[in-house]
C-alpha atoms as a PDB file:
ATOM      1  CA  VAL A   1     -15.870   2.989  -5.891  1.00  0.00           C
ATOM      2  CA  ARG A   2     -18.097   5.994  -6.456  1.00  0.00           C
ATOM      3  CA  LEU A   3     -16.780   9.563  -6.369  1.00  0.00           C
ATOM      4  CA  ILE A   4     -19.464  12.153  -5.700  1.00  0.00           C
ATOM      5  CA  PRO A   5     -18.706  15.882  -5.418  1.00  0.00           C
ATOM      6  CA  GLY A   6     -19.009  16.706  -1.733  1.00  0.00           C
ATOM      7  CA  THR A   7     -17.047  17.348   1.446  1.00  0.00           C
ATOM      8  CA  GLY A   8     -14.664  14.389   1.663  1.00  0.00           C
ATOM      9  CA  VAL A   9     -16.780  11.837   3.552  1.00  0.00           C
ATOM     10  CA  VAL A  10     -15.577   8.248   3.051  1.00  0.00           C
ATOM     11  CA  THR A  11     -18.058   5.384   3.448  1.00  0.00           C
ATOM     12  CA  ILE A  12     -16.821   1.788   3.220  1.00  0.00           C
ATOM     13  CA  ASN A  13     -19.409  -0.998   3.069  1.00  0.00           C
ATOM     14  CA  GLY A  14     -21.993   1.389   4.521  1.00  0.00           C
ATOM     15  CA  ARG A  15     -19.795   2.337   7.494  1.00  0.00           C
ATOM     16  CA  PRO A  16     -17.794   5.523   8.102  1.00  0.00           C
ATOM     17  CA  GLU A  17     -14.073   5.284   7.447  1.00  0.00           C
ATOM     18  CA  ALA A  18     -13.223   5.801  11.140  1.00  0.00           C
ATOM     19  CA  ASP A  19     -15.377   2.829  12.179  1.00  0.00           C
ATOM     20  CA  TYR A  20     -14.106   0.560   9.412  1.00  0.00           C
ATOM     21  CA  PHE A  21     -10.369   1.118   9.921  1.00  0.00           C
ATOM     22  CA  GLY A  22     -10.448   1.926  13.642  1.00  0.00           C
ATOM     23  CA  ASN A  23      -7.247   3.550  14.886  1.00  0.00           C
ATOM     24  CA  ARG A  24      -5.056   2.686  11.888  1.00  0.00           C
ATOM     25  CA  PRO A  25      -3.927   6.021  10.420  1.00  0.00           C
ATOM     26  CA  THR A  26      -1.753   4.380   7.758  1.00  0.00           C
ATOM     27  CA  LEU A  27      -4.758   2.616   6.218  1.00  0.00           C
ATOM     28  CA  LYS A  28      -6.781   5.841   6.284  1.00  0.00           C
ATOM     29  CA  GLY A  29      -3.849   7.556   4.565  1.00  0.00           C
ATOM     30  CA  MET A  30      -3.791   4.887   1.856  1.00  0.00           C
ATOM     31  CA  VAL A  31      -7.420   5.601   0.997  1.00  0.00           C
ATOM     32  CA  HIS A  32      -6.735   9.340   0.617  1.00  0.00           C
ATOM     33  CA  GLN A  33      -3.376   8.982  -1.165  1.00  0.00           C
ATOM     34  CA  SER A  34      -4.788   9.172  -4.699  1.00  0.00           C
ATOM     35  CA  LEU A  35      -6.799  12.271  -3.840  1.00  0.00           C
ATOM     36  CA  LYS A  36      -3.776  13.980  -2.277  1.00  0.00           C
ATOM     37  CA  VAL A  37      -1.608  13.284  -5.336  1.00  0.00           C
ATOM     38  CA  VAL A  38      -4.039  15.178  -7.602  1.00  0.00           C
ATOM     39  CA  GLN A  39      -4.760  17.759  -4.857  1.00  0.00           C
ATOM     40  CA  VAL A  40      -8.534  17.213  -4.623  1.00  0.00           C
ATOM     41  CA  ASP A  41      -8.676  15.729  -1.101  1.00  0.00           C
ATOM     42  CA  GLY A  42     -11.874  16.898   0.576  1.00  0.00           C
ATOM     43  CA  THR A  43     -13.752  17.739  -2.622  1.00  0.00           C
ATOM     44  CA  TYR A  44     -15.272  14.291  -3.267  1.00  0.00           C
ATOM     45  CA  ASP A  45     -17.346  11.941  -1.133  1.00  0.00           C
ATOM     46  CA  ILE A  46     -16.245   8.333  -1.608  1.00  0.00           C
ATOM     47  CA  HIS A  47     -18.615   5.356  -1.382  1.00  0.00           C
ATOM     48  CA  VAL A  48     -16.908   1.959  -1.583  1.00  0.00           C
ATOM     49  CA  ASN A  49     -18.021  -1.681  -1.493  1.00  0.00           C
ATOM     50  CA  VAL A  50     -15.126  -4.062  -0.865  1.00  0.00           C
ATOM     51  CA  HIS A  51     -14.833  -7.701   0.192  1.00  0.00           C
ATOM     52  CA  GLY A  52     -12.215 -10.429   0.484  1.00  0.00           C
ATOM     53  CA  GLY A  53      -8.653 -10.332   1.727  1.00  0.00           C
ATOM     54  CA  GLY A  54      -7.557  -8.593   4.898  1.00  0.00           C
ATOM     55  CA  ILE A  55      -8.192  -5.033   5.981  1.00  0.00           C
ATOM     56  CA  SER A  56      -4.785  -3.862   4.700  1.00  0.00           C
ATOM     57  CA  SER A  57      -5.356  -5.430   1.293  1.00  0.00           C
ATOM     58  CA  GLN A  58      -8.797  -3.837   1.165  1.00  0.00           C
ATOM     59  CA  ALA A  59      -7.242  -0.425   1.831  1.00  0.00           C
ATOM     60  CA  GLY A  60      -4.853  -0.992  -1.080  1.00  0.00           C
ATOM     61  CA  ALA A  61      -7.731  -2.052  -3.311  1.00  0.00           C
ATOM     62  CA  ILE A  62      -9.678   1.074  -2.347  1.00  0.00           C
ATOM     63  CA  ARG A  63      -6.629   3.223  -3.177  1.00  0.00           C
ATOM     64  CA  HIS A  64      -6.417   1.574  -6.600  1.00  0.00           C
ATOM     65  CA  GLY A  65     -10.159   1.996  -7.175  1.00  0.00           C
ATOM     66  CA  VAL A  66     -10.115   5.673  -6.222  1.00  0.00           C
ATOM     67  CA  ALA A  67      -7.197   6.279  -8.594  1.00  0.00           C
ATOM     68  CA  ARG A  68      -9.126   4.653 -11.446  1.00  0.00           C
ATOM     69  CA  ALA A  69     -12.274   6.612 -10.576  1.00  0.00           C
ATOM     70  CA  LEU A  70     -10.302   9.870 -10.689  1.00  0.00           C
ATOM     71  CA  LEU A  71      -9.330   9.065 -14.281  1.00  0.00           C
ATOM     72  CA  GLU A  72     -13.044   8.904 -15.120  1.00  0.00           C
ATOM     73  CA  VAL A  73     -13.383  12.457 -13.777  1.00  0.00           C
ATOM     74  CA  ASN A  74     -10.464  14.075 -15.635  1.00  0.00           C
ATOM     75  CA  SER A  75      -8.158  11.656 -17.442  1.00  0.00           C
ATOM     76  CA  GLU A  76      -5.996  14.182 -19.292  1.00  0.00           C
ATOM     77  CA  GLU A  77      -4.957  16.129 -16.199  1.00  0.00           C
ATOM     78  CA  TYR A  78      -4.867  13.393 -13.537  1.00  0.00           C
ATOM     79  CA  ARG A  79      -3.366  10.424 -15.408  1.00  0.00           C
ATOM     80  CA  PRO A  80       0.284  11.599 -15.449  1.00  0.00           C
ATOM     81  CA  LEU A  81       0.139  12.441 -11.730  1.00  0.00           C
ATOM     82  CA  VAL A  82      -1.522   9.202 -10.641  1.00  0.00           C
ATOM     83  CA  LYS A  83       0.585   7.010 -12.920  1.00  0.00           C
ATOM     84  CA  GLY A  84       3.780   8.742 -11.802  1.00  0.00           C
ATOM     85  CA  ALA A  85       2.932   7.925  -8.191  1.00  0.00           C
ATOM     86  CA  GLY A  86       2.447   4.260  -9.136  1.00  0.00           C
ATOM     87  CA  LEU A  87      -1.207   4.149  -8.081  1.00  0.00           C
ATOM     88  CA  LEU A  88      -2.549   2.555 -11.267  1.00  0.00           C
ATOM     89  CA  THR A  89      -0.508  -0.639 -10.937  1.00  0.00           C
ATOM     90  CA  ARG A  90      -2.520  -3.570  -9.588  1.00  0.00           C
ATOM     91  CA  ASP A  91      -0.954  -5.654  -6.824  1.00  0.00           C
ATOM     92  CA  PRO A  92      -0.160  -8.946  -8.632  1.00  0.00           C
ATOM     93  CA  ARG A  93       0.101 -11.118  -5.502  1.00  0.00           C
ATOM     94  CA  VAL A  94      -2.484 -13.886  -5.153  1.00  0.00           C
ATOM     95  CA  LYS A  95      -2.920 -16.808  -2.784  1.00  0.00           C
ATOM     96  CA  GLU A  96      -0.595 -19.693  -3.587  1.00  0.00           C
ATOM     97  CA  ARG A  97      -2.325 -22.943  -4.466  1.00  0.00           C
ATOM     98  CA  LYS A  98      -2.301 -25.882  -2.085  1.00  0.00           C
ATOM     99  CA  LYS A  99       0.081 -28.699  -2.999  1.00  0.00           C
ATOM    100  CA  TYR A 100      -0.341 -32.325  -2.074  1.00  0.00           C
ATOM    101  CA  GLY A 101       2.214 -34.276  -0.086  1.00  0.00           C
END
């Protein structure tokens, strides 16, 4: 995830956000959730490379990545807001291993 001061354009794997998520407003909202919590939505361009999992899991991973990138910008001011919203906690679920028999 790269945050660049700009106008709020989101690019995921080289494609615009609208093309990547299609007509799924909840997934688009997940990507912008971290920015809305710290009230800087529309002030940063976001460039993301993501792979693996499904499209919903990728949206959650992008949300987590944006939250961590915001801490690189201004940790003292943003950390209590982002942590209070629960956006710094990684999703612990992983694929269950295959069992014989």
